[in-house]
PDB file of N, CA and C in Angstrom:
ATOM      1  N   UNK A   1      74.227 246.711  37.229  1.00  0.00           N
ATOM      2  CA  UNK A   1      75.201 246.651  36.165  1.00  0.00           C
ATOM      3  C   UNK A   1      74.473 246.484  34.840  1.00  0.00           C
ATOM      4  N   UNK A   2      75.131 246.901  33.778  1.00  0.00           N
ATOM      5  CA  UNK A   2      74.504 246.794  32.462  1.00  0.00           C
ATOM      6  C   UNK A   2      74.561 245.363  31.961  1.00  0.00           C
ATOM      7  N   UNK A   3      73.563 245.032  31.162  1.00  0.00           N
ATOM      8  CA  UNK A   3      73.515 243.691  30.597  1.00  0.00           C
ATOM      9  C   UNK A   3      74.591 243.568  29.531  1.00  0.00           C
ATOM     10  N   UNK A   4      75.226 242.459  29.468  1.00  0.00           N
ATOM     11  CA  UNK A   4      76.273 242.214  28.484  1.00  0.00           C
ATOM     12  C   UNK A   4      76.322 240.739  28.195  1.00  0.00           C
ATOM     13  N   UNK A   5      77.320 240.323  27.468  1.00  0.00           N
ATOM     14  CA  UNK A   5      77.420 238.892  27.166  1.00  0.00           C
ATOM     15  C   UNK A   5      77.612 238.090  28.454  1.00  0.00           C
ATOM     16  N   UNK A   6      77.021 236.920  28.483  1.00  0.00           N
ATOM     17  CA  UNK A   6      77.159 236.054  29.657  1.00  0.00           C
ATOM     18  C   UNK A   6      78.610 235.609  29.787  1.00  0.00           C
ATOM     19  N   UNK A   7      79.139 235.714  30.986  1.00  0.00           N
ATOM     20  CA  UNK A   7      80.505 235.281  31.234  1.00  0.00           C
ATOM     21  C   UNK A   7      80.477 233.931  31.924  1.00  0.00           C
ATOM     22  N   UNK A   8      81.309 233.045  31.447  1.00  0.00           N
ATOM     23  CA  UNK A   8      81.391 231.712  32.023  1.00  0.00           C
ATOM     24  C   UNK A   8      82.513 231.707  33.055  1.00  0.00           C
ATOM     25  N   UNK A   9      82.185 231.285  34.270  1.00  0.00           N
ATOM     26  CA  UNK A   9      83.182 231.193  35.332  1.00  0.00           C
ATOM     27  C   UNK A   9      83.801 229.803  35.265  1.00  0.00           C
ATOM     28  N   UNK A  10      85.123 229.740  35.045  1.00  0.00           N
ATOM     29  CA  UNK A  10      85.763 228.422  35.000  1.00  0.00           C
ATOM     30  C   UNK A  10      85.539 227.654  36.304  1.00  0.00           C
ATOM     31  N   UNK A  11      85.457 226.356  36.194  1.00  0.00           N
ATOM     32  CA  UNK A  11      85.203 225.487  37.341  1.00  0.00           C
ATOM     33  C   UNK A  11      86.199 225.725  38.476  1.00  0.00           C
ATOM     34  N   UNK A  12      87.474 225.954  38.142  1.00  0.00           N
ATOM     35  CA  UNK A  12      88.482 226.121  39.197  1.00  0.00           C
ATOM     36  C   UNK A  12      88.335 227.425  39.958  1.00  0.00           C
ATOM     37  N   UNK A  13      87.555 228.373  39.438  1.00  0.00           N
ATOM     38  CA  UNK A  13      87.350 229.649  40.127  1.00  0.00           C
ATOM     39  C   UNK A  13      86.139 229.577  41.051  1.00  0.00           C
ATOM     40  N   UNK A  14      85.093 228.926  40.604  1.00  0.00           N
ATOM     41  CA  UNK A  14      83.836 228.899  41.358  1.00  0.00           C
ATOM     42  C   UNK A  14      83.980 228.125  42.666  1.00  0.00           C
ATOM     43  N   UNK A  15      83.175 228.488  43.635  1.00  0.00           N
ATOM     44  CA  UNK A  15      83.125 227.751  44.889  1.00  0.00           C
ATOM     45  C   UNK A  15      83.918 228.397  46.002  1.00  0.00           C
ATOM     46  N   UNK A  16      84.032 227.676  47.101  1.00  0.00           N
ATOM     47  CA  UNK A  16      84.733 228.176  48.289  1.00  0.00           C
ATOM     48  C   UNK A  16      86.195 227.751  48.234  1.00  0.00           C
ATOM     49  N   UNK A  17      87.084 228.680  48.518  1.00  0.00           N
ATOM     50  CA  UNK A  17      88.524 228.418  48.494  1.00  0.00           C
ATOM     51  C   UNK A  17      89.093 228.489  49.909  1.00  0.00           C
ATOM     52  N   UNK A  18      90.134 227.699  50.128  1.00  0.00           N
ATOM     53  CA  UNK A  18      90.781 227.641  51.439  1.00  0.00           C
ATOM     54  C   UNK A  18      92.229 228.090  51.310  1.00  0.00           C
ATOM     55  N   UNK A  19      92.902 228.232  52.432  1.00  0.00           N
ATOM     56  CA  UNK A  19      94.328 228.547  52.452  1.00  0.00           C
ATOM     57  C   UNK A  19      95.122 227.252  52.331  1.00  0.00           C
ATOM     58  N   UNK A  20      96.223 227.294  51.609  1.00  0.00           N
ATOM     59  CA  UNK A  20      97.108 226.136  51.493  1.00  0.00           C
ATOM     60  C   UNK A  20      98.246 226.309  52.487  1.00  0.00           C
ATOM     61  N   UNK A  21      98.235 225.480  53.520  1.00  0.00           N
ATOM     62  CA  UNK A  21      99.249 225.561  54.576  1.00  0.00           C
ATOM     63  C   UNK A  21      99.797 224.156  54.813  1.00  0.00           C
ATOM     64  N   UNK A  22     101.084 224.000  54.579  1.00  0.00           N
ATOM     65  CA  UNK A  22     101.721 222.705  54.806  1.00  0.00           C
ATOM     66  C   UNK A  22     101.184 221.613  53.905  1.00  0.00           C
ATOM     67  N   UNK A  23     100.806 221.966  52.695  1.00  0.00           N
ATOM     68  CA  UNK A  23     100.301 220.986  51.743  1.00  0.00           C
ATOM     69  C   UNK A  23      98.852 220.579  51.976  1.00  0.00           C
ATOM     70  N   UNK A  24      98.178 221.219  52.903  1.00  0.00           N
ATOM     71  CA  UNK A  24      96.786 220.913  53.221  1.00  0.00           C
ATOM     72  C   UNK A  24      95.920 222.154  53.020  1.00  0.00           C
ATOM     73  N   UNK A  25      94.737 221.958  52.490  1.00  0.00           N
ATOM     74  CA  UNK A  25      93.783 223.061  52.331  1.00  0.00           C
ATOM     75  C   UNK A  25      93.065 223.254  53.661  1.00  0.00           C
ATOM     76  N   UNK A  26      93.087 224.480  54.175  1.00  0.00           N
ATOM     77  CA  UNK A  26      92.519 224.753  55.500  1.00  0.00           C
ATOM     78  C   UNK A  26      91.679 226.023  55.482  1.00  0.00           C
ATOM     79  N   UNK A  27      90.577 225.989  56.206  1.00  0.00           N
ATOM     80  CA  UNK A  27      89.793 227.202  56.401  1.00  0.00           C
ATOM     81  C   UNK A  27      90.594 228.157  57.268  1.00  0.00           C
ATOM     82  N   UNK A  28      90.243 229.417  57.245  1.00  0.00           N
ATOM     83  CA  UNK A  28      90.876 230.396  58.132  1.00  0.00           C
ATOM     84  C   UNK A  28      90.563 230.008  59.574  1.00  0.00           C
ATOM     85  N   UNK A  29      91.516 230.215  60.467  1.00  0.00           N
ATOM     86  CA  UNK A  29      91.310 229.883  61.879  1.00  0.00           C
ATOM     87  C   UNK A  29      90.090 230.604  62.433  1.00  0.00           C
ATOM     88  N   UNK A  30      89.835 231.803  61.948  1.00  0.00           N
ATOM     89  CA  UNK A  30      88.692 232.590  62.426  1.00  0.00           C
ATOM     90  C   UNK A  30      87.376 232.119  61.830  1.00  0.00           C
ATOM     91  N   UNK A  31      87.455 231.344  60.747  1.00  0.00           N
ATOM     92  CA  UNK A  31      86.246 230.915  60.053  1.00  0.00           C
ATOM     93  C   UNK A  31      85.687 231.970  59.107  1.00  0.00           C
ATOM     94  N   UNK A  32      86.318 233.142  59.064  1.00  0.00           N
ATOM     95  CA  UNK A  32      85.811 234.217  58.203  1.00  0.00           C
ATOM     96  C   UNK A  32      86.176 233.977  56.750  1.00  0.00           C
ATOM     97  N   UNK A  33      85.347 234.555  55.856  1.00  0.00           N
ATOM     98  CA  UNK A  33      85.538 234.410  54.418  1.00  0.00           C
ATOM     99  C   UNK A  33      85.385 235.776  53.753  1.00  0.00           C
ATOM    100  N   UNK A  34      85.945 235.904  52.555  1.00  0.00           N
ATOM    101  CA  UNK A  34      85.818 237.108  51.744  1.00  0.00           C
ATOM    102  C   UNK A  34      85.134 236.721  50.440  1.00  0.00           C
ATOM    103  N   UNK A  35      84.125 237.461  50.052  1.00  0.00           N
ATOM    104  CA  UNK A  35      83.462 237.212  48.773  1.00  0.00           C
ATOM    105  C   UNK A  35      84.252 237.907  47.678  1.00  0.00           C
ATOM    106  N   UNK A  36      84.537 237.177  46.599  1.00  0.00           N
ATOM    107  CA  UNK A  36      85.267 237.732  45.459  1.00  0.00           C
ATOM    108  C   UNK A  36      84.255 238.009  44.355  1.00  0.00           C
ATOM    109  N   UNK A  37      84.247 239.260  43.889  1.00  0.00           N
ATOM    110  CA  UNK A  37      83.280 239.681  42.879  1.00  0.00           C
ATOM    111  C   UNK A  37      83.929 239.823  41.514  1.00  0.00           C
ATOM    112  N   UNK A  38      83.157 239.518  40.497  1.00  0.00           N
ATOM    113  CA  UNK A  38      83.583 239.753  39.124  1.00  0.00           C
ATOM    114  C   UNK A  38      83.528 241.260  38.901  1.00  0.00           C
ATOM    115  N   UNK A  39      84.650 241.901  38.593  1.00  0.00           N
ATOM    116  CA  UNK A  39      84.639 243.359  38.455  1.00  0.00           C
ATOM    117  C   UNK A  39      83.819 243.840  37.260  1.00  0.00           C
ATOM    118  N   UNK A  40      83.588 242.984  36.295  1.00  0.00           N
ATOM    119  CA  UNK A  40      82.825 243.375  35.113  1.00  0.00           C
ATOM    120  C   UNK A  40      81.324 243.360  35.361  1.00  0.00           C
ATOM    121  N   UNK A  41      80.883 242.473  36.256  1.00  0.00           N
ATOM    122  CA  UNK A  41      79.439 242.310  36.445  1.00  0.00           C
ATOM    123  C   UNK A  41      78.973 242.563  37.872  1.00  0.00           C
ATOM    124  N   UNK A  42      79.881 242.490  38.818  1.00  0.00           N
ATOM    125  CA  UNK A  42      79.511 242.606  40.223  1.00  0.00           C
ATOM    126  C   UNK A  42      78.979 241.311  40.800  1.00  0.00           C
ATOM    127  N   UNK A  43      78.904 240.260  39.986  1.00  0.00           N
ATOM    128  CA  UNK A  43      78.423 238.957  40.454  1.00  0.00           C
ATOM    129  C   UNK A  43      79.497 238.277  41.298  1.00  0.00           C
ATOM    130  N   UNK A  44      79.049 237.439  42.217  1.00  0.00           N
ATOM    131  CA  UNK A  44      79.967 236.683  43.054  1.00  0.00           C
ATOM    132  C   UNK A  44      80.637 235.591  42.229  1.00  0.00           C
ATOM    133  N   UNK A  45      81.976 235.508  42.330  1.00  0.00           N
ATOM    134  CA  UNK A  45      82.716 234.439  41.662  1.00  0.00           C
ATOM    135  C   UNK A  45      82.960 233.278  42.613  1.00  0.00           C
ATOM    136  N   UNK A  46      83.387 233.614  43.827  1.00  0.00           N
ATOM    137  CA  UNK A  46      83.701 232.595  44.820  1.00  0.00           C
ATOM    138  C   UNK A  46      83.897 233.291  46.161  1.00  0.00           C
ATOM    139  N   UNK A  47      84.181 232.506  47.183  1.00  0.00           N
ATOM    140  CA  UNK A  47      84.582 233.081  48.459  1.00  0.00           C
ATOM    141  C   UNK A  47      85.907 232.441  48.841  1.00  0.00           C
ATOM    142  N   UNK A  48      86.726 233.209  49.536  1.00  0.00           N
ATOM    143  CA  UNK A  48      88.035 232.720  49.943  1.00  0.00           C
ATOM    144  C   UNK A  48      88.194 232.854  51.449  1.00  0.00           C
ATOM    145  N   UNK A  49      89.003 231.971  52.014  1.00  0.00           N
ATOM    146  CA  UNK A  49      89.276 232.033  53.446  1.00  0.00           C
ATOM    147  C   UNK A  49      90.002 233.333  53.756  1.00  0.00           C
ATOM    148  N   UNK A  50      89.542 234.048  54.774  1.00  0.00           N
ATOM    149  CA  UNK A  50      90.153 235.317  55.166  1.00  0.00           C
ATOM    150  C   UNK A  50      91.183 235.043  56.250  1.00  0.00           C
ATOM    151  N   UNK A  51      92.407 234.768  55.796  1.00  0.00           N
ATOM    152  CA  UNK A  51      93.479 234.486  56.742  1.00  0.00           C
ATOM    153  C   UNK A  51      93.833 235.709  57.567  1.00  0.00           C
ATOM    154  N   UNK A  52      94.283 235.465  58.789  1.00  0.00           N
ATOM    155  CA  UNK A  52      94.722 236.557  59.651  1.00  0.00           C
ATOM    156  C   UNK A  52      96.061 236.167  60.278  1.00  0.00           C
ATOM    157  N   UNK A  53      96.468 236.870  61.309  1.00  0.00           N
ATOM    158  CA  UNK A  53      97.781 236.646  61.912  1.00  0.00           C
ATOM    159  C   UNK A  53      97.977 235.195  62.353  1.00  0.00           C
ATOM    160  N   UNK A  54      96.944 234.576  62.881  1.00  0.00           N
ATOM    161  CA  UNK A  54      97.062 233.180  63.330  1.00  0.00           C
ATOM    162  C   UNK A  54      97.382 232.256  62.155  1.00  0.00           C
ATOM    163  N   UNK A  55      96.727 232.483  61.017  1.00  0.00           N
ATOM    164  CA  UNK A  55      96.981 231.669  59.829  1.00  0.00           C
ATOM    165  C   UNK A  55      98.388 231.909  59.285  1.00  0.00           C
ATOM    166  N   UNK A  56      98.821 233.157  59.293  1.00  0.00           N
ATOM    167  CA  UNK A  56     100.175 233.488  58.843  1.00  0.00           C
ATOM    168  C   UNK A  56     101.196 232.810  59.751  1.00  0.00           C
ATOM    169  N   UNK A  57     100.988 232.874  61.053  1.00  0.00           N
ATOM    170  CA  UNK A  57     101.911 232.229  61.993  1.00  0.00           C
ATOM    171  C   UNK A  57     101.995 230.728  61.736  1.00  0.00           C
ATOM    172  N   UNK A  58     100.851 230.093  61.482  1.00  0.00           N
ATOM    173  CA  UNK A  58     100.835 228.650  61.165  1.00  0.00           C
ATOM    174  C   UNK A  58     101.623 228.368  59.898  1.00  0.00           C
ATOM    175  N   UNK A  59     101.390 229.168  58.857  1.00  0.00           N
ATOM    176  CA  UNK A  59     102.075 228.963  57.578  1.00  0.00           C
ATOM    177  C   UNK A  59     103.582 229.179  57.711  1.00  0.00           C
ATOM    178  N   UNK A  60     103.978 230.196  58.445  1.00  0.00           N
ATOM    179  CA  UNK A  60     105.406 230.476  58.636  1.00  0.00           C
ATOM    180  C   UNK A  60     106.064 229.345  59.420  1.00  0.00           C
ATOM    181  N   UNK A  61     105.399 228.837  60.437  1.00  0.00           N
ATOM    182  CA  UNK A  61     105.961 227.739  61.229  1.00  0.00           C
ATOM    183  C   UNK A  61     106.167 226.494  60.363  1.00  0.00           C
ATOM    184  N   UNK A  62     105.195 226.175  59.516  1.00  0.00           N
ATOM    185  CA  UNK A  62     105.307 225.018  58.625  1.00  0.00           C
ATOM    186  C   UNK A  62     106.443 225.233  57.626  1.00  0.00           C
ATOM    187  N   UNK A  63     106.522 226.432  57.053  1.00  0.00           N
ATOM    188  CA  UNK A  63     107.580 226.732  56.089  1.00  0.00           C
ATOM    189  C   UNK A  63     108.954 226.665  56.741  1.00  0.00           C
ATOM    190  N   UNK A  64     109.055 227.158  57.957  1.00  0.00           N
ATOM    191  CA  UNK A  64     110.339 227.130  58.667  1.00  0.00           C
ATOM    192  C   UNK A  64     110.779 225.679  58.908  1.00  0.00           C
ATOM    193  N   UNK A  65     109.847 224.833  59.355  1.00  0.00           N
ATOM    194  CA  UNK A  65     110.193 223.418  59.581  1.00  0.00           C
ATOM    195  C   UNK A  65     110.641 222.761  58.282  1.00  0.00           C
ATOM    196  N   UNK A  66     109.952 223.071  57.188  1.00  0.00           N
ATOM    197  CA  UNK A  66     110.318 222.487  55.892  1.00  0.00           C
ATOM    198  C   UNK A  66     111.712 222.951  55.476  1.00  0.00           C
ATOM    199  N   UNK A  67     111.978 224.231  55.626  1.00  0.00           N
ATOM    200  CA  UNK A  67     113.269 224.763  55.201  1.00  0.00           C
ATOM    201  C   UNK A  67     114.402 224.235  56.061  1.00  0.00           C
ATOM    202  N   UNK A  68     114.165 224.036  57.330  1.00  0.00           N
ATOM    203  CA  UNK A  68     115.211 223.547  58.213  1.00  0.00           C
ATOM    204  C   UNK A  68     115.465 222.053  58.037  1.00  0.00           C
ATOM    205  N   UNK A  69     114.612 221.371  57.302  1.00  0.00           N
ATOM    206  CA  UNK A  69     114.776 219.942  57.037  1.00  0.00           C
ATOM    207  C   UNK A  69     115.449 219.714  55.690  1.00  0.00           C
ATOM    208  N   UNK A  70     114.954 218.751  54.945  1.00  0.00           N
ATOM    209  CA  UNK A  70     115.506 218.369  53.646  1.00  0.00           C
ATOM    210  C   UNK A  70     115.534 219.521  52.650  1.00  0.00           C
ATOM    211  N   UNK A  71     114.518 220.325  52.646  1.00  0.00           N
ATOM    212  CA  UNK A  71     114.365 221.400  51.643  1.00  0.00           C
ATOM    213  C   UNK A  71     115.628 222.256  51.545  1.00  0.00           C
ATOM    214  N   UNK A  72     116.248 222.552  52.650  1.00  0.00           N
ATOM    215  CA  UNK A  72     117.438 223.418  52.673  1.00  0.00           C
ATOM    216  C   UNK A  72     118.575 222.838  51.836  1.00  0.00           C
ATOM    217  N   UNK A  73     118.679 221.514  51.804  1.00  0.00           N
ATOM    218  CA  UNK A  73     119.788 220.863  51.094  1.00  0.00           C
ATOM    219  C   UNK A  73     119.506 220.668  49.606  1.00  0.00           C
ATOM    220  N   UNK A  74     118.281 220.880  49.188  1.00  0.00           N
ATOM    221  CA  UNK A  74     117.932 220.683  47.781  1.00  0.00           C
ATOM    222  C   UNK A  74     118.397 221.853  46.930  1.00  0.00           C
ATOM    223  N   UNK A  75     118.753 221.560  45.686  1.00  0.00           N
ATOM    224  CA  UNK A  75     119.104 222.628  44.746  1.00  0.00           C
ATOM    225  C   UNK A  75     117.808 223.311  44.300  1.00  0.00           C
ATOM    226  N   UNK A  76     117.908 224.537  43.815  1.00  0.00           N
ATOM    227  CA  UNK A  76     116.699 225.208  43.316  1.00  0.00           C
ATOM    228  C   UNK A  76     115.959 224.380  42.258  1.00  0.00           C
ATOM    229  N   UNK A  77     116.712 223.682  41.410  1.00  0.00           N
ATOM    230  CA  UNK A  77     116.078 222.865  40.373  1.00  0.00           C
ATOM    231  C   UNK A  77     115.192 221.782  41.000  1.00  0.00           C
ATOM    232  N   UNK A  78     115.673 221.089  42.019  1.00  0.00           N
ATOM    233  CA  UNK A  78     114.897 220.027  42.633  1.00  0.00           C
ATOM    234  C   UNK A  78     113.756 220.576  43.481  1.00  0.00           C
ATOM    235  N   UNK A  79     113.910 221.762  44.011  1.00  0.00           N
ATOM    236  CA  UNK A  79     112.778 222.399  44.689  1.00  0.00           C
ATOM    237  C   UNK A  79     111.654 222.634  43.700  1.00  0.00           C
ATOM    238  N   UNK A  80     112.022 223.142  42.518  1.00  0.00           N
ATOM    239  CA  UNK A  80     111.023 223.372  41.474  1.00  0.00           C
ATOM    240  C   UNK A  80     110.349 222.078  41.062  1.00  0.00           C
ATOM    241  N   UNK A  81     111.126 221.038  40.874  1.00  0.00           N
ATOM    242  CA  UNK A  81     110.572 219.748  40.480  1.00  0.00           C
ATOM    243  C   UNK A  81     109.592 219.239  41.528  1.00  0.00           C
ATOM    244  N   UNK A  82     109.905 219.437  42.804  1.00  0.00           N
ATOM    245  CA  UNK A  82     109.059 218.899  43.868  1.00  0.00           C
ATOM    246  C   UNK A  82     107.699 219.585  43.951  1.00  0.00           C
ATOM    247  N   UNK A  83     107.593 220.827  43.496  1.00  0.00           N
ATOM    248  CA  UNK A  83     106.319 221.546  43.573  1.00  0.00           C
ATOM    249  C   UNK A  83     105.620 221.644  42.232  1.00  0.00           C
ATOM    250  N   UNK A  84     106.223 221.113  41.172  1.00  0.00           N
ATOM    251  CA  UNK A  84     105.620 221.158  39.842  1.00  0.00           C
ATOM    252  C   UNK A  84     104.564 220.063  39.706  1.00  0.00           C
ATOM    253  N   UNK A  85     103.587 220.282  38.812  1.00  0.00           N
ATOM    254  CA  UNK A  85     102.607 219.215  38.561  1.00  0.00           C
ATOM    255  C   UNK A  85     103.323 217.934  38.144  1.00  0.00           C
ATOM    256  N   UNK A  86     102.724 216.815  38.467  1.00  0.00           N
ATOM    257  CA  UNK A  86     103.360 215.511  38.213  1.00  0.00           C
ATOM    258  C   UNK A  86     103.798 215.331  36.758  1.00  0.00           C
ATOM    259  N   UNK A  87     103.027 215.840  35.814  1.00  0.00           N
ATOM    260  CA  UNK A  87     103.392 215.654  34.412  1.00  0.00           C
ATOM    261  C   UNK A  87     104.567 216.527  33.979  1.00  0.00           C
ATOM    262  N   UNK A  88     105.054 217.397  34.877  1.00  0.00           N
ATOM    263  CA  UNK A  88     106.180 218.263  34.548  1.00  0.00           C
ATOM    264  C   UNK A  88     107.333 218.045  35.518  1.00  0.00           C
ATOM    265  N   UNK A  89     107.406 216.907  36.175  1.00  0.00           N
ATOM    266  CA  UNK A  89     108.383 216.701  37.248  1.00  0.00           C
ATOM    267  C   UNK A  89     109.783 216.339  36.780  1.00  0.00           C
ATOM    268  N   UNK A  90     109.998 216.034  35.530  1.00  0.00           N
ATOM    269  CA  UNK A  90     111.351 215.743  35.079  1.00  0.00           C
ATOM    270  C   UNK A  90     112.069 217.059  34.847  1.00  0.00           C
ATOM    271  N   UNK A  91     113.186 217.304  35.544  1.00  0.00           N
ATOM    272  CA  UNK A  91     113.902 218.560  35.319  1.00  0.00           C
ATOM    273  C   UNK A  91     114.455 218.593  33.899  1.00  0.00           C
ATOM    274  N   UNK A  92     114.437 219.767  33.318  1.00  0.00           N
ATOM    275  CA  UNK A  92     114.953 219.942  31.976  1.00  0.00           C
ATOM    276  C   UNK A  92     116.413 220.359  32.048  1.00  0.00           C
ATOM    277  N   UNK A  93     117.252 219.880  31.112  1.00  0.00           N
ATOM    278  CA  UNK A  93     118.673 220.254  31.137  1.00  0.00           C
ATOM    279  C   UNK A  93     118.875 221.729  30.865  1.00  0.00           C
TER     280      UNK A  93
END
């Protein structure tokens, strides 16, 4: 690749990433990963867990249990509040 200005990779992008399933960060069941490249430079930015059918099945099962419980009775506004960052948890009128 051609030389250009140095690009700074934000801290939240760099490193190894996992799948978020049931509120927990988890590696792919297969243990496989995908390298993510910066399209401008071809340099590696990070690697991510390569989820497959087993991971999807786990995520769907967790989501189904959540929906069949309390989540189903919540209004859309309170669902949003529950997944928003703590500093934004007060619903706006």
